[in-house]
């Protein structure tokens, strides 16, 4: 099971824990450590940085699933903010090339003015 590139984090977590619950209902012994490891391994490339940080700085044998989810959600929100800022900055750059004066917008467009 892997998170697809276009899938939202909440959607994937719902699918992931649905599978975990199905395994448990079938009598599978699914430990917290195993869930943490599988969750970290199955996230998409977008989360590569936070996964590496968690794996390098935390003891996965005692790390709780809730802690992993909290860290990943904070990272996800931060990435969304950066993406939104990049969009705004791109829009501002596009409009900054336009000169506004005398109620006319002048840009690089060459046309006749009256």
Protein backbone atom coordinates (compact mmCIF):
# COMPACT_ATOMS: atom_id res chain seq x y z
CA UNK A 1 0.00 0.00 0.00
CA UNK A 2 1.38 3.41 -1.01
CA UNK A 3 0.13 6.96 -1.04
CA UNK A 4 -0.35 8.25 -4.58
CA UNK A 5 1.16 11.60 -5.58
CA UNK A 6 -2.19 13.34 -6.01
CA UNK A 7 -3.81 11.89 -2.89
CA UNK A 8 -4.49 14.13 0.10
CA UNK A 9 -2.94 13.23 3.43
CA UNK A 10 -6.32 12.86 5.16
CA UNK A 11 -7.62 10.62 2.39
CA UNK A 12 -4.55 8.41 2.56
CA UNK A 13 -4.61 8.18 6.35
CA UNK A 14 -8.27 7.09 6.21
CA UNK A 15 -7.41 4.41 3.66
CA UNK A 16 -4.29 3.32 5.59
CA UNK A 17 -6.07 2.97 8.93
CA UNK A 18 -9.02 1.26 7.24
CA UNK A 19 -6.56 -1.41 6.11
CA UNK A 20 -4.98 -1.59 9.58
CA UNK A 21 -8.41 -2.05 11.16
CA UNK A 22 -9.31 -4.76 8.63
CA UNK A 23 -6.09 -6.63 9.46
CA UNK A 24 -6.83 -6.37 13.18
CA UNK A 25 -10.39 -7.62 12.68
CA UNK A 26 -8.99 -10.64 10.87
CA UNK A 27 -6.85 -11.46 13.89
CA UNK A 28 -3.56 -10.08 12.58
CA UNK A 29 -1.21 -8.89 15.33
CA UNK A 30 -0.45 -5.35 14.18
CA UNK A 31 1.92 -3.65 16.61
CA UNK A 32 2.32 0.09 17.03
CA UNK A 33 5.92 -0.17 15.82
CA UNK A 34 4.84 -1.99 12.67
CA UNK A 35 2.15 0.60 11.94
CA UNK A 36 4.66 3.45 12.39
CA UNK A 37 7.17 1.78 10.07
CA UNK A 38 4.59 0.98 7.38
CA UNK A 39 3.10 4.47 7.54
CA UNK A 40 6.48 6.15 7.12
CA UNK A 41 7.46 3.83 4.26
CA UNK A 42 4.21 4.31 2.39
CA UNK A 43 3.95 8.13 2.29
CA UNK A 44 4.50 9.85 -1.05
CA UNK A 45 7.69 11.65 -2.07
CA UNK A 46 6.25 14.95 -0.87
CA UNK A 47 6.91 13.74 2.68
CA UNK A 48 10.43 12.46 2.06
CA UNK A 49 12.04 15.19 4.19
CA UNK A 50 9.84 14.73 7.26
CA UNK A 51 10.09 10.95 7.01
CA UNK A 52 13.90 11.18 6.97
CA UNK A 53 13.89 13.54 9.94
CA UNK A 54 11.61 11.24 11.94
CA UNK A 55 13.63 8.14 11.08
CA UNK A 56 16.96 9.80 11.95
CA UNK A 57 15.94 11.58 15.14
CA UNK A 58 13.34 9.34 16.77
CA UNK A 59 13.36 5.83 18.16
CA UNK A 60 10.78 4.07 15.99
CA UNK A 61 10.36 1.31 18.57
CA UNK A 62 8.79 3.72 21.08
CA UNK A 63 7.34 6.33 18.73
CA UNK A 64 3.56 6.46 18.79
CA UNK A 65 1.43 6.61 15.66
CA UNK A 66 -0.27 9.78 16.91
CA UNK A 67 3.11 11.54 17.11
CA UNK A 68 3.95 10.56 13.54
CA UNK A 69 0.58 11.77 12.28
CA UNK A 70 0.93 15.08 14.14
CA UNK A 71 4.40 15.69 12.70
CA UNK A 72 3.33 14.79 9.18
CA UNK A 73 0.21 16.98 9.37
CA UNK A 74 2.23 19.98 10.57
CA UNK A 75 4.68 19.40 7.74
CA UNK A 76 1.79 19.10 5.25
CA UNK A 77 0.26 22.40 6.38
CA UNK A 78 3.64 24.13 6.18
CA UNK A 79 4.17 22.83 2.64
CA UNK A 80 0.68 24.02 1.65
CA UNK A 81 1.53 27.49 3.01
CA UNK A 82 4.76 27.56 1.00
CA UNK A 83 2.89 26.46 -2.13
CA UNK A 84 0.30 29.21 -1.58
CA UNK A 85 3.01 31.84 -1.03
CA UNK A 86 4.74 30.73 -4.23
CA UNK A 87 1.49 31.19 -6.17
CA UNK A 88 0.97 34.67 -4.70
CA UNK A 89 4.58 35.66 -5.41
CA UNK A 90 4.21 34.48 -9.01
CA UNK A 91 1.05 36.53 -9.45
CA UNK A 92 2.73 39.59 -7.91
CA UNK A 93 5.67 39.21 -10.29
CA UNK A 94 3.31 39.01 -13.24
CA UNK A 95 1.53 42.20 -12.23
CA UNK A 96 4.70 44.06 -11.27
CA UNK A 97 5.71 44.18 -14.94
CA UNK A 98 2.66 46.35 -15.66
CA UNK A 99 2.90 50.14 -15.24
CA UNK A 100 -0.22 51.92 -14.17
CA UNK A 101 -0.65 55.59 -14.96
CA UNK A 102 -3.35 57.97 -16.18
CA UNK A 103 -5.95 55.22 -15.78
CA UNK A 104 -4.17 53.16 -18.44
CA UNK A 105 -2.28 49.96 -18.00
CA UNK A 106 0.91 49.84 -20.00
CA UNK A 107 2.99 46.73 -20.26
CA UNK A 108 5.19 45.20 -22.85
CA UNK A 109 2.25 45.04 -25.28
CA UNK A 110 2.89 47.22 -28.31
CA UNK A 111 -0.28 48.63 -29.70
CA UNK A 112 -1.75 51.95 -30.62
CA UNK A 113 -2.79 54.36 -27.90
CA UNK A 114 -5.34 57.08 -28.39
